[in-house]
């Protein structure tokens, strides 16, 4: 039996968008989870691996974009909550905890 995907969307408020520093923080946090995590600038995709720094930086998602996050796996809900909180806090909260 497969675990259904969980998803959310969050407004990108960082002045530089999903650029170098935010991308590093985002992927570093994503890698703490066992869930498969993907992001997209559009609900219909294309979806990219949120654990790949190269792919995340290549998205160049600008400020004001609705960032779509989806995850599948045992800790998908925790991953979605932590990653959306990181974006909502403008990548400043170093205390956002990750699982696995």
PDB file of N, CA and C in Angstrom:
ATOM      1  N   UNK A   1       0.836  -1.179   0.000  1.00  0.00           N
ATOM      2  CA  UNK A   1       0.000   0.000   0.000  1.00  0.00           C
ATOM      3  C   UNK A   1       0.886   1.250   0.000  1.00  0.00           C
ATOM      4  N   UNK A   2       0.625   2.158  -0.939  1.00  0.00           N
ATOM      5  CA  UNK A   2       1.446   3.363  -1.024  1.00  0.00           C
ATOM      6  C   UNK A   2       0.856   4.474  -0.163  1.00  0.00           C
ATOM      7  N   UNK A   3       1.739   5.317   0.317  1.00  0.00           N
ATOM      8  CA  UNK A   3       1.341   6.452   1.134  1.00  0.00           C
ATOM      9  C   UNK A   3       0.990   7.602   0.190  1.00  0.00           C
ATOM     10  N   UNK A   4      -0.185   8.227   0.346  1.00  0.00           N
ATOM     11  CA  UNK A   4      -0.561   9.317  -0.559  1.00  0.00           C
ATOM     12  C   UNK A   4       0.343  10.538  -0.391  1.00  0.00           C
ATOM     13  N   UNK A   5       0.522  11.254  -1.472  1.00  0.00           N
ATOM     14  CA  UNK A   5       1.347  12.463  -1.437  1.00  0.00           C
ATOM     15  C   UNK A   5       0.633  13.554  -0.647  1.00  0.00           C
ATOM     16  N   UNK A   6       1.407  14.342   0.059  1.00  0.00           N
ATOM     17  CA  UNK A   6       0.883  15.506   0.765  1.00  0.00           C
ATOM     18  C   UNK A   6       1.478  16.728   0.091  1.00  0.00           C
ATOM     19  N   UNK A   7       0.727  17.818   0.074  1.00  0.00           N
ATOM     20  CA  UNK A   7       1.236  19.004  -0.606  1.00  0.00           C
ATOM     21  C   UNK A   7       0.742  20.277   0.065  1.00  0.00           C
ATOM     22  N   UNK A   8       1.424  21.351  -0.268  1.00  0.00           N
ATOM     23  CA  UNK A   8       1.056  22.678   0.195  1.00  0.00           C
ATOM     24  C   UNK A   8       1.618  23.685  -0.787  1.00  0.00           C
ATOM     25  N   UNK A   9       1.244  24.926  -0.600  1.00  0.00           N
ATOM     26  CA  UNK A   9       1.852  26.006  -1.377  1.00  0.00           C
ATOM     27  C   UNK A   9       2.128  27.153  -0.432  1.00  0.00           C
ATOM     28  N   UNK A  10       3.198  27.857  -0.722  1.00  0.00           N
ATOM     29  CA  UNK A  10       3.640  28.948   0.150  1.00  0.00           C
ATOM     30  C   UNK A  10       4.219  30.061  -0.719  1.00  0.00           C
ATOM     31  N   UNK A  11       3.931  31.298  -0.335  1.00  0.00           N
ATOM     32  CA  UNK A  11       4.398  32.451  -1.102  1.00  0.00           C
ATOM     33  C   UNK A  11       5.882  32.699  -0.841  1.00  0.00           C
ATOM     34  N   UNK A  12       6.636  32.828  -1.910  1.00  0.00           N
ATOM     35  CA  UNK A  12       8.069  33.126  -1.812  1.00  0.00           C
ATOM     36  C   UNK A  12       8.223  34.603  -1.484  1.00  0.00           C
ATOM     37  N   UNK A  13       8.679  34.905  -0.269  1.00  0.00           N
ATOM     38  CA  UNK A  13       8.805  36.295   0.160  1.00  0.00           C
ATOM     39  C   UNK A  13      10.254  36.780   0.201  1.00  0.00           C
ATOM     40  N   UNK A  14      11.197  35.861   0.036  1.00  0.00           N
ATOM     41  CA  UNK A  14      12.610  36.247   0.082  1.00  0.00           C
ATOM     42  C   UNK A  14      12.914  37.189  -1.079  1.00  0.00           C
ATOM     43  N   UNK A  15      13.611  38.269  -0.781  1.00  0.00           N
ATOM     44  CA  UNK A  15      13.904  39.304  -1.775  1.00  0.00           C
ATOM     45  C   UNK A  15      14.573  38.738  -3.028  1.00  0.00           C
ATOM     46  N   UNK A  16      15.488  37.795  -2.869  1.00  0.00           N
ATOM     47  CA  UNK A  16      16.202  37.214  -4.012  1.00  0.00           C
ATOM     48  C   UNK A  16      15.498  35.981  -4.573  1.00  0.00           C
ATOM     49  N   UNK A  17      14.356  35.613  -3.988  1.00  0.00           N
ATOM     50  CA  UNK A  17      13.677  34.400  -4.433  1.00  0.00           C
ATOM     51  C   UNK A  17      14.437  33.163  -3.970  1.00  0.00           C
ATOM     52  N   UNK A  18      14.232  32.082  -4.670  1.00  0.00           N
ATOM     53  CA  UNK A  18      14.914  30.831  -4.314  1.00  0.00           C
ATOM     54  C   UNK A  18      16.268  30.822  -5.013  1.00  0.00           C
ATOM     55  N   UNK A  19      17.191  31.629  -4.466  1.00  0.00           N
ATOM     56  CA  UNK A  19      18.523  31.797  -5.030  1.00  0.00           C
ATOM     57  C   UNK A  19      19.518  31.012  -4.186  1.00  0.00           C
ATOM     58  N   UNK A  20      20.777  31.336  -4.233  1.00  0.00           N
ATOM     59  CA  UNK A  20      21.846  30.546  -3.619  1.00  0.00           C
ATOM     60  C   UNK A  20      21.632  30.204  -2.141  1.00  0.00           C
ATOM     61  N   UNK A  21      21.641  31.190  -1.261  1.00  0.00           N
ATOM     62  CA  UNK A  21      21.532  30.916   0.184  1.00  0.00           C
ATOM     63  C   UNK A  21      20.205  30.232   0.541  1.00  0.00           C
ATOM     64  N   UNK A  22      19.077  30.756   0.059  1.00  0.00           N
ATOM     65  CA  UNK A  22      17.817  30.075   0.365  1.00  0.00           C
ATOM     66  C   UNK A  22      17.762  28.648  -0.187  1.00  0.00           C
ATOM     67  N   UNK A  23      18.313  28.437  -1.366  1.00  0.00           N
ATOM     68  CA  UNK A  23      18.316  27.098  -1.962  1.00  0.00           C
ATOM     69  C   UNK A  23      19.111  26.113  -1.109  1.00  0.00           C
ATOM     70  N   UNK A  24      20.247  26.563  -0.604  1.00  0.00           N
ATOM     71  CA  UNK A  24      21.068  25.704   0.248  1.00  0.00           C
ATOM     72  C   UNK A  24      20.306  25.336   1.516  1.00  0.00           C
ATOM     73  N   UNK A  25      19.696  26.325   2.154  1.00  0.00           N
ATOM     74  CA  UNK A  25      18.933  26.060   3.375  1.00  0.00           C
ATOM     75  C   UNK A  25      17.764  25.120   3.098  1.00  0.00           C
ATOM     76  N   UNK A  26      17.090  25.344   1.978  1.00  0.00           N
ATOM     77  CA  UNK A  26      15.925  24.533   1.625  1.00  0.00           C
ATOM     78  C   UNK A  26      16.311  23.076   1.384  1.00  0.00           C
ATOM     79  N   UNK A  27      17.337  22.851   0.565  1.00  0.00           N
ATOM     80  CA  UNK A  27      17.736  21.477   0.261  1.00  0.00           C
ATOM     81  C   UNK A  27      18.344  20.785   1.483  1.00  0.00           C
ATOM     82  N   UNK A  28      19.075  21.528   2.282  1.00  0.00           N
ATOM     83  CA  UNK A  28      19.664  20.954   3.497  1.00  0.00           C
ATOM     84  C   UNK A  28      18.564  20.443   4.428  1.00  0.00           C
ATOM     85  N   UNK A  29      17.510  21.241   4.593  1.00  0.00           N
ATOM     86  CA  UNK A  29      16.384  20.824   5.420  1.00  0.00           C
ATOM     87  C   UNK A  29      15.649  19.642   4.774  1.00  0.00           C
ATOM     88  N   UNK A  30      15.428  19.695   3.471  1.00  0.00           N
ATOM     89  CA  UNK A  30      14.725  18.614   2.768  1.00  0.00           C
ATOM     90  C   UNK A  30      15.443  17.277   2.940  1.00  0.00           C
ATOM     91  N   UNK A  31      16.766  17.316   2.942  1.00  0.00           N
ATOM     92  CA  UNK A  31      17.555  16.081   3.058  1.00  0.00           C
ATOM     93  C   UNK A  31      17.450  15.430   4.432  1.00  0.00           C
ATOM     94  N   UNK A  32      16.923  16.146   5.423  1.00  0.00           N
ATOM     95  CA  UNK A  32      16.746  15.574   6.758  1.00  0.00           C
ATOM     96  C   UNK A  32      15.576  14.591   6.818  1.00  0.00           C
ATOM     97  N   UNK A  33      14.770  14.588   5.782  1.00  0.00           N
ATOM     98  CA  UNK A  33      13.571  13.748   5.765  1.00  0.00           C
ATOM     99  C   UNK A  33      13.740  12.562   4.824  1.00  0.00           C
ATOM    100  N   UNK A  34      13.097  11.470   5.174  1.00  0.00           N
ATOM    101  CA  UNK A  34      13.127  10.285   4.325  1.00  0.00           C
ATOM    102  C   UNK A  34      12.169  10.387   3.158  1.00  0.00           C
ATOM    103  N   UNK A  35      11.183  11.257   3.259  1.00  0.00           N
ATOM    104  CA  UNK A  35      10.175  11.415   2.216  1.00  0.00           C
ATOM    105  C   UNK A  35      10.802  11.904   0.915  1.00  0.00           C
ATOM    106  N   UNK A  36      10.171  11.522  -0.190  1.00  0.00           N
ATOM    107  CA  UNK A  36      10.532  12.079  -1.489  1.00  0.00           C
ATOM    108  C   UNK A  36       9.850  13.445  -1.557  1.00  0.00           C
ATOM    109  N   UNK A  37      10.616  14.500  -1.817  1.00  0.00           N
ATOM    110  CA  UNK A  37      10.088  15.862  -1.791  1.00  0.00           C
ATOM    111  C   UNK A  37      10.368  16.531  -3.128  1.00  0.00           C
ATOM    112  N   UNK A  38       9.348  17.190  -3.652  1.00  0.00           N
ATOM    113  CA  UNK A  38       9.484  17.896  -4.921  1.00  0.00           C
ATOM    114  C   UNK A  38       8.900  19.296  -4.791  1.00  0.00           C
ATOM    115  N   UNK A  39       9.412  20.208  -5.616  1.00  0.00           N
ATOM    116  CA  UNK A  39       8.882  21.569  -5.646  1.00  0.00           C
ATOM    117  C   UNK A  39       8.591  21.981  -7.089  1.00  0.00           C
ATOM    118  N   UNK A  40       7.729  22.990  -7.209  1.00  0.00           N
ATOM    119  CA  UNK A  40       7.408  23.538  -8.517  1.00  0.00           C
ATOM    120  C   UNK A  40       6.913  24.961  -8.359  1.00  0.00           C
ATOM    121  N   UNK A  41       7.079  25.765  -9.394  1.00  0.00           N
ATOM    122  CA  UNK A  41       6.555  27.120  -9.400  1.00  0.00           C
ATOM    123  C   UNK A  41       5.115  27.131  -9.897  1.00  0.00           C
ATOM    124  N   UNK A  42       4.653  25.992 -10.404  1.00  0.00           N
ATOM    125  CA  UNK A  42       3.289  25.878 -10.922  1.00  0.00           C
ATOM    126  C   UNK A  42       2.681  24.578 -10.425  1.00  0.00           C
ATOM    127  N   UNK A  43       1.389  24.605 -10.137  1.00  0.00           N
ATOM    128  CA  UNK A  43       0.723  23.432  -9.583  1.00  0.00           C
ATOM    129  C   UNK A  43       0.823  22.211 -10.490  1.00  0.00           C
ATOM    130  N   UNK A  44       0.829  22.441 -11.790  1.00  0.00           N
ATOM    131  CA  UNK A  44       0.885  21.336 -12.748  1.00  0.00           C
ATOM    132  C   UNK A  44       2.315  20.902 -13.090  1.00  0.00           C
ATOM    133  N   UNK A  45       3.298  21.542 -12.486  1.00  0.00           N
ATOM    134  CA  UNK A  45       4.691  21.172 -12.720  1.00  0.00           C
ATOM    135  C   UNK A  45       5.336  22.113 -13.715  1.00  0.00           C
ATOM    136  N   UNK A  46       6.535  21.819 -14.133  1.00  0.00           N
ATOM    137  CA  UNK A  46       7.295  20.602 -13.835  1.00  0.00           C
ATOM    138  C   UNK A  46       7.769  20.567 -12.376  1.00  0.00           C
ATOM    139  N   UNK A  47       7.807  19.355 -11.834  1.00  0.00           N
ATOM    140  CA  UNK A  47       8.228  19.115 -10.457  1.00  0.00           C
ATOM    141  C   UNK A  47       9.702  18.720 -10.448  1.00  0.00           C
ATOM    142  N   UNK A  48      10.444  19.241  -9.487  1.00  0.00           N
ATOM    143  CA  UNK A  48      11.862  18.901  -9.391  1.00  0.00           C
ATOM    144  C   UNK A  48      12.192  18.402  -7.984  1.00  0.00           C
ATOM    145  N   UNK A  49      13.247  17.638  -7.895  1.00  0.00           N
ATOM    146  CA  UNK A  49      13.697  17.049  -6.632  1.00  0.00           C
ATOM    147  C   UNK A  49      14.197  18.140  -5.691  1.00  0.00           C
ATOM    148  N   UNK A  50      13.518  18.290  -4.561  1.00  0.00           N
ATOM    149  CA  UNK A  50      13.867  19.343  -3.596  1.00  0.00           C
ATOM    150  C   UNK A  50      15.157  19.051  -2.841  1.00  0.00           C
ATOM    151  N   UNK A  51      15.711  17.870  -3.011  1.00  0.00           N
ATOM    152  CA  UNK A  51      16.950  17.516  -2.323  1.00  0.00           C
ATOM    153  C   UNK A  51      18.179  17.740  -3.202  1.00  0.00           C
ATOM    154  N   UNK A  52      17.958  18.223  -4.425  1.00  0.00           N
ATOM    155  CA  UNK A  52      19.050  18.484  -5.361  1.00  0.00           C
ATOM    156  C   UNK A  52      19.338  19.980  -5.414  1.00  0.00           C
ATOM    157  N   UNK A  53      20.456  20.402  -4.842  1.00  0.00           N
ATOM    158  CA  UNK A  53      20.809  21.816  -4.813  1.00  0.00           C
ATOM    159  C   UNK A  53      20.913  22.391  -6.221  1.00  0.00           C
ATOM    160  N   UNK A  54      21.457  21.640  -7.139  1.00  0.00           N
ATOM    161  CA  UNK A  54      21.614  22.122  -8.519  1.00  0.00           C
ATOM    162  C   UNK A  54      20.249  22.359  -9.155  1.00  0.00           C
ATOM    163  N   UNK A  55      19.338  21.418  -8.980  1.00  0.00           N
ATOM    164  CA  UNK A  55      18.005  21.559  -9.572  1.00  0.00           C
ATOM    165  C   UNK A  55      17.202  22.663  -8.899  1.00  0.00           C
ATOM    166  N   UNK A  56      17.303  22.776  -7.586  1.00  0.00           N
ATOM    167  CA  UNK A  56      16.562  23.812  -6.865  1.00  0.00           C
ATOM    168  C   UNK A  56      17.054  25.197  -7.281  1.00  0.00           C
ATOM    169  N   UNK A  57      18.366  25.382  -7.330  1.00  0.00           N
ATOM    170  CA  UNK A  57      18.918  26.681  -7.746  1.00  0.00           C
ATOM    171  C   UNK A  57      18.541  27.003  -9.187  1.00  0.00           C
ATOM    172  N   UNK A  58      18.475  25.985 -10.030  1.00  0.00           N
ATOM    173  CA  UNK A  58      18.152  26.193 -11.442  1.00  0.00           C
ATOM    174  C   UNK A  58      16.717  26.662 -11.657  1.00  0.00           C
ATOM    175  N   UNK A  59      15.839  26.445 -10.681  1.00  0.00           N
ATOM    176  CA  UNK A  59      14.452  26.883 -10.836  1.00  0.00           C
ATOM    177  C   UNK A  59      14.350  28.400 -10.867  1.00  0.00           C
ATOM    178  N   UNK A  60      15.241  29.074 -10.127  1.00  0.00           N
ATOM    179  CA  UNK A  60      15.273  30.542 -10.071  1.00  0.00           C
ATOM    180  C   UNK A  60      13.887  31.118  -9.768  1.00  0.00           C
ATOM    181  N   UNK A  61      13.196  30.507  -8.818  1.00  0.00           N
ATOM    182  CA  UNK A  61      11.859  30.952  -8.452  1.00  0.00           C
ATOM    183  C   UNK A  61      11.958  32.335  -7.810  1.00  0.00           C
ATOM    184  N   UNK A  62      11.326  33.334  -8.415  1.00  0.00           N
ATOM    185  CA  UNK A  62      11.445  34.703  -7.910  1.00  0.00           C
ATOM    186  C   UNK A  62      10.493  35.035  -6.759  1.00  0.00           C
ATOM    187  N   UNK A  63      10.793  36.126  -6.092  1.00  0.00           N
ATOM    188  CA  UNK A  63       9.927  36.651  -5.034  1.00  0.00           C
ATOM    189  C   UNK A  63       8.532  36.868  -5.614  1.00  0.00           C
ATOM    190  N   UNK A  64       7.514  36.551  -4.813  1.00  0.00           N
ATOM    191  CA  UNK A  64       6.139  36.736  -5.243  1.00  0.00           C
ATOM    192  C   UNK A  64       5.526  35.520  -5.916  1.00  0.00           C
ATOM    193  N   UNK A  65       6.328  34.485  -6.133  1.00  0.00           N
ATOM    194  CA  UNK A  65       5.850  33.254  -6.748  1.00  0.00           C
ATOM    195  C   UNK A  65       5.272  32.334  -5.679  1.00  0.00           C
ATOM    196  N   UNK A  66       4.192  31.642  -6.022  1.00  0.00           N
ATOM    197  CA  UNK A  66       3.638  30.636  -5.132  1.00  0.00           C
ATOM    198  C   UNK A  66       4.456  29.353  -5.341  1.00  0.00           C
ATOM    199  N   UNK A  67       5.172  28.948  -4.297  1.00  0.00           N
ATOM    200  CA  UNK A  67       5.999  27.742  -4.358  1.00  0.00           C
ATOM    201  C   UNK A  67       5.150  26.549  -3.941  1.00  0.00           C
ATOM    202  N   UNK A  68       5.070  25.558  -4.799  1.00  0.00           N
ATOM    203  CA  UNK A  68       4.307  24.342  -4.522  1.00  0.00           C
ATOM    204  C   UNK A  68       5.279  23.277  -4.019  1.00  0.00           C
ATOM    205  N   UNK A  69       4.930  22.652  -2.911  1.00  0.00           N
ATOM    206  CA  UNK A  69       5.771  21.621  -2.303  1.00  0.00           C
ATOM    207  C   UNK A  69       4.923  20.375  -2.135  1.00  0.00           C
ATOM    208  N   UNK A  70       5.450  19.226  -2.552  1.00  0.00           N
ATOM    209  CA  UNK A  70       4.747  17.964  -2.322  1.00  0.00           C
ATOM    210  C   UNK A  70       5.739  16.918  -1.844  1.00  0.00           C
ATOM    211  N   UNK A  71       5.236  16.011  -1.024  1.00  0.00           N
ATOM    212  CA  UNK A  71       6.103  14.974  -0.452  1.00  0.00           C
ATOM    213  C   UNK A  71       5.331  13.671  -0.332  1.00  0.00           C
ATOM    214  N   UNK A  72       6.064  12.578  -0.467  1.00  0.00           N
ATOM    215  CA  UNK A  72       5.506  11.246  -0.323  1.00  0.00           C
ATOM    216  C   UNK A  72       6.436  10.436   0.566  1.00  0.00           C
ATOM    217  N   UNK A  73       5.868   9.766   1.549  1.00  0.00           N
ATOM    218  CA  UNK A  73       6.671   8.946   2.445  1.00  0.00           C
ATOM    219  C   UNK A  73       6.181   9.068   3.870  1.00  0.00           C
ATOM    220  N   UNK A  74       6.811   8.308   4.746  1.00  0.00           N
ATOM    221  CA  UNK A  74       6.407   8.237   6.147  1.00  0.00           C
ATOM    222  C   UNK A  74       6.386   9.592   6.839  1.00  0.00           C
ATOM    223  N   UNK A  75       7.373  10.430   6.581  1.00  0.00           N
ATOM    224  CA  UNK A  75       7.445  11.726   7.263  1.00  0.00           C
ATOM    225  C   UNK A  75       7.090  12.898   6.335  1.00  0.00           C
ATOM    226  N   UNK A  76       6.249  12.628   5.344  1.00  0.00           N
ATOM    227  CA  UNK A  76       5.866  13.650   4.367  1.00  0.00           C
ATOM    228  C   UNK A  76       5.220  14.865   5.022  1.00  0.00           C
ATOM    229  N   UNK A  77       4.320  14.638   5.960  1.00  0.00           N
ATOM    230  CA  UNK A  77       3.648  15.746   6.628  1.00  0.00           C
ATOM    231  C   UNK A  77       4.606  16.635   7.382  1.00  0.00           C
ATOM    232  N   UNK A  78       5.550  16.012   8.080  1.00  0.00           N
ATOM    233  CA  UNK A  78       6.562  16.769   8.823  1.00  0.00           C
ATOM    234  C   UNK A  78       7.451  17.560   7.866  1.00  0.00           C
ATOM    235  N   UNK A  79       7.796  16.949   6.741  1.00  0.00           N
ATOM    236  CA  UNK A  79       8.647  17.619   5.755  1.00  0.00           C
ATOM    237  C   UNK A  79       7.939  18.835   5.177  1.00  0.00           C
ATOM    238  N   UNK A  80       6.679  18.672   4.805  1.00  0.00           N
ATOM    239  CA  UNK A  80       5.893  19.770   4.250  1.00  0.00           C
ATOM    240  C   UNK A  80       5.810  20.920   5.260  1.00  0.00           C
ATOM    241  N   UNK A  81       5.517  20.590   6.507  1.00  0.00           N
ATOM    242  CA  UNK A  81       5.385  21.613   7.551  1.00  0.00           C
ATOM    243  C   UNK A  81       6.697  22.369   7.767  1.00  0.00           C
ATOM    244  N   UNK A  82       7.804  21.645   7.845  1.00  0.00           N
ATOM    245  CA  UNK A  82       9.103  22.278   8.101  1.00  0.00           C
ATOM    246  C   UNK A  82       9.549  23.145   6.927  1.00  0.00           C
ATOM    247  N   UNK A  83       9.384  22.648   5.716  1.00  0.00           N
ATOM    248  CA  UNK A  83       9.825  23.396   4.536  1.00  0.00           C
ATOM    249  C   UNK A  83       8.964  24.628   4.293  1.00  0.00           C
ATOM    250  N   UNK A  84       7.658  24.503   4.474  1.00  0.00           N
ATOM    251  CA  UNK A  84       6.805  25.676   4.281  1.00  0.00           C
ATOM    252  C   UNK A  84       7.089  26.715   5.363  1.00  0.00           C
ATOM    253  N   UNK A  85       7.367  26.278   6.595  1.00  0.00           N
ATOM    254  CA  UNK A  85       7.719  27.216   7.672  1.00  0.00           C
ATOM    255  C   UNK A  85       9.018  27.950   7.345  1.00  0.00           C
ATOM    256  N   UNK A  86       9.982  27.243   6.788  1.00  0.00           N
ATOM    257  CA  UNK A  86      11.256  27.866   6.418  1.00  0.00           C
ATOM    258  C   UNK A  86      11.029  28.987   5.410  1.00  0.00           C
ATOM    259  N   UNK A  87      10.203  28.726   4.405  1.00  0.00           N
ATOM    260  CA  UNK A  87       9.913  29.737   3.378  1.00  0.00           C
ATOM    261  C   UNK A  87       9.138  30.900   3.996  1.00  0.00           C
ATOM    262  N   UNK A  88       8.123  30.587   4.802  1.00  0.00           N
ATOM    263  CA  UNK A  88       7.306  31.626   5.439  1.00  0.00           C
ATOM    264  C   UNK A  88       8.133  32.523   6.356  1.00  0.00           C
ATOM    265  N   UNK A  89       9.188  31.965   6.946  1.00  0.00           N
ATOM    266  CA  UNK A  89      10.057  32.732   7.850  1.00  0.00           C
ATOM    267  C   UNK A  89      11.232  33.356   7.106  1.00  0.00           C
ATOM    268  N   UNK A  90      11.108  33.427   5.795  1.00  0.00           N
ATOM    269  CA  UNK A  90      12.113  34.072   4.948  1.00  0.00           C
ATOM    270  C   UNK A  90      13.505  33.457   5.117  1.00  0.00           C
ATOM    271  N   UNK A  91      13.537  32.158   5.363  1.00  0.00           N
ATOM    272  CA  UNK A  91      14.772  31.383   5.456  1.00  0.00           C
ATOM    273  C   UNK A  91      15.674  31.816   6.612  1.00  0.00           C
ATOM    274  N   UNK A  92      15.102  32.511   7.581  1.00  0.00           N
ATOM    275  CA  UNK A  92      15.897  33.036   8.694  1.00  0.00           C
ATOM    276  C   UNK A  92      15.899  32.162   9.933  1.00  0.00           C
ATOM    277  N   UNK A  93      14.915  31.284  10.099  1.00  0.00           N
ATOM    278  CA  UNK A  93      14.800  30.521  11.335  1.00  0.00           C
ATOM    279  C   UNK A  93      15.672  29.282  11.295  1.00  0.00           C
ATOM    280  N   UNK A  94      16.777  29.339  11.972  1.00  0.00           N
ATOM    281  CA  UNK A  94      17.712  28.206  12.018  1.00  0.00           C
ATOM    282  C   UNK A  94      17.203  27.078  12.919  1.00  0.00           C
ATOM    283  N   UNK A  95      16.110  27.327  13.641  1.00  0.00           N
ATOM    284  CA  UNK A  95      15.617  26.315  14.585  1.00  0.00           C
ATOM    285  C   UNK A  95      14.593  25.375  13.984  1.00  0.00           C
ATOM    286  N   UNK A  96      14.249  25.532  12.698  1.00  0.00           N
ATOM    287  CA  UNK A  96      13.289  24.638  12.062  1.00  0.00           C
ATOM    288  C   UNK A  96      13.892  23.239  12.107  1.00  0.00           C
ATOM    289  N   UNK A  97      13.168  22.329  12.710  1.00  0.00           N
ATOM    290  CA  UNK A  97      13.690  20.968  12.914  1.00  0.00           C
ATOM    291  C   UNK A  97      13.271  20.042  11.791  1.00  0.00           C
ATOM    292  N   UNK A  98      14.118  19.104  11.493  1.00  0.00           N
ATOM    293  CA  UNK A  98      13.813  18.069  10.517  1.00  0.00           C
ATOM    294  C   UNK A  98      13.858  16.715  11.154  1.00  0.00           C
ATOM    295  N   UNK A  99      13.249  15.762  10.500  1.00  0.00           N
ATOM    296  CA  UNK A  99      13.234  14.397  11.018  1.00  0.00           C
ATOM    297  C   UNK A  99      14.385  13.599  10.481  1.00  0.00           C
ATOM    298  N   UNK A 100      14.193  12.303  10.406  1.00  0.00           N
ATOM    299  CA  UNK A 100      15.147  11.286   9.929  1.00  0.00           C
ATOM    300  C   UNK A 100      16.519  11.820   9.800  1.00  0.00           C
TER     301      UNK A 100
END
